[in-house]
Each structure stands twice: as C-alpha cells, then as structure tokens.
C-alpha atoms as a PDB file:
ATOM      1  CA  MET A   1       4.950   6.927   1.101  1.00  0.00           C
ATOM      2  CA  ILE A   2       5.149  10.619   1.830  1.00  0.00           C
ATOM      3  CA  ASP A   3       7.002  11.241  -1.452  1.00  0.00           C
ATOM      4  CA  MET A   4       4.311   9.293  -3.284  1.00  0.00           C
ATOM      5  CA  PHE A   5       1.587  11.379  -1.603  1.00  0.00           C
ATOM      6  CA  LEU A   6       3.401  14.585  -2.522  1.00  0.00           C
ATOM      7  CA  ASN A   7       3.919  13.524  -6.151  1.00  0.00           C
ATOM      8  CA  LYS A   8       0.613  11.811  -6.879  1.00  0.00           C
ATOM      9  CA  GLY A   9      -1.736  13.086  -4.183  1.00  0.00           C
ATOM     10  CA  LEU A  10      -3.449  11.128  -1.449  1.00  0.00           C
ATOM     11  CA  LEU A  11      -4.859   7.727  -2.150  1.00  0.00           C
ATOM     12  CA  SER A  12      -8.400   6.971  -1.096  1.00  0.00           C
ATOM     13  CA  GLU A  13      -7.452   3.531   0.216  1.00  0.00           C
ATOM     14  CA  ILE A  14      -4.361   1.414   0.883  1.00  0.00           C
ATOM     15  CA  HIS A  15      -4.519  -2.376   0.741  1.00  0.00           C
ATOM     16  CA  VAL A  16      -2.250  -4.300   3.089  1.00  0.00           C
ATOM     17  CA  ARG A  17      -1.786  -7.987   3.741  1.00  0.00           C
ATOM     18  CA  ASP A  18      -2.066  -8.141   7.535  1.00  0.00           C
ATOM     19  CA  GLU A  19      -2.836  -6.400  10.829  1.00  0.00           C
ATOM     20  CA  ARG A  20       0.842  -5.689  11.449  1.00  0.00           C
ATOM     21  CA  MET A  21       1.214  -3.551   8.319  1.00  0.00           C
ATOM     22  CA  ALA A  22      -2.132  -1.886   9.049  1.00  0.00           C
ATOM     23  CA  ALA A  23      -0.817  -0.933  12.493  1.00  0.00           C
ATOM     24  CA  ILE A  24       2.399   0.440  10.995  1.00  0.00           C
ATOM     25  CA  LEU A  25       0.474   2.667   8.566  1.00  0.00           C
ATOM     26  CA  GLY A  26      -2.440   3.354  10.907  1.00  0.00           C
ATOM     27  CA  ASP A  27      -1.340   6.722  12.284  1.00  0.00           C
ATOM     28  CA  LEU A  28      -0.404   8.115   8.879  1.00  0.00           C
ATOM     29  CA  CYS A  29      -3.683   6.964   7.376  1.00  0.00           C
ATOM     30  CA  LYS A  30      -5.718   8.304  10.279  1.00  0.00           C
ATOM     31  CA  LYS A  31      -4.092  11.731   9.974  1.00  0.00           C
ATOM     32  CA  THR A  32      -4.517  11.884   6.189  1.00  0.00           C
ATOM     33  CA  GLY A  33      -7.988  10.320   5.965  1.00  0.00           C
ATOM     34  CA  VAL A  34      -6.765   7.387   3.864  1.00  0.00           C
ATOM     35  CA  LYS A  35      -8.623   4.122   4.493  1.00  0.00           C
ATOM     36  CA  ILE A  36      -6.780   0.851   5.122  1.00  0.00           C
ATOM     37  CA  ARG A  37      -8.130  -2.450   3.820  1.00  0.00           C
ATOM     38  CA  ILE A  38      -6.654  -5.776   4.892  1.00  0.00           C
ATOM     39  CA  THR A  39      -6.716  -8.322   2.077  1.00  0.00           C
ATOM     40  CA  ASN A  40      -4.961 -11.593   1.331  1.00  0.00           C
ATOM     41  CA  VAL A  41      -4.599 -10.791  -2.364  1.00  0.00           C
ATOM     42  CA  LEU A  42      -2.424  -7.932  -3.622  1.00  0.00           C
ATOM     43  CA  PRO A  43      -2.463  -8.259  -7.437  1.00  0.00           C
ATOM     44  CA  ASP A  44      -0.235  -5.241  -8.113  1.00  0.00           C
ATOM     45  CA  VAL A  45       2.454  -6.566  -5.775  1.00  0.00           C
ATOM     46  CA  TYR A  46       2.311 -10.025  -7.368  1.00  0.00           C
ATOM     47  CA  PHE A  47       2.538  -8.472 -10.845  1.00  0.00           C
ATOM     48  CA  PHE A  48       5.545  -6.389  -9.823  1.00  0.00           C
ATOM     49  CA  ILE A  49       7.332  -9.412  -8.338  1.00  0.00           C
ATOM     50  CA  ASN A  50       6.666 -11.502 -11.439  1.00  0.00           C
ATOM     51  CA  GLU A  51       7.957  -8.765 -13.726  1.00  0.00           C
ATOM     52  CA  MET A  52      11.125  -8.417 -11.661  1.00  0.00           C
ATOM     53  CA  ASP A  53      11.598 -12.182 -11.779  1.00  0.00           C
ATOM     54  CA  LYS A  54      11.305 -12.177 -15.596  1.00  0.00           C
ATOM     55  CA  ASN A  55      13.942  -9.473 -15.933  1.00  0.00           C
ATOM     56  CA  MET A  56      16.563 -11.093 -13.701  1.00  0.00           C
END
C-alpha cells in the first residue's frame, strides 16, 4: 500500500470487507488521514477476480 500511496497519492477512503482488515489497516489510515469503510460489496475486487478467471 505504501508504494501505491507514493505512486498515486493518498486515497480519501479505503473500503474493506470486515473488522479484521479494518484493524490491520487502522494504524496506517489513522496516521495518514485515510478513512476506512467496512462494506460487504467490493465491486472492483469482484471485477478483478472475474477478469483473472477469464484469462486463465
């Protein structure tokens, strides 16, 4: 994630699927001012998985 922040800049918000991932990213997000949103639906992740599945 740090490489992504350095290359693209800070995100305003990160969407995660559950409390566990929010806890993992919590300190980084707190220090950088990035918000965390817990959501059951992650369309970009599903799209990525489907595209990988098509190409295998």
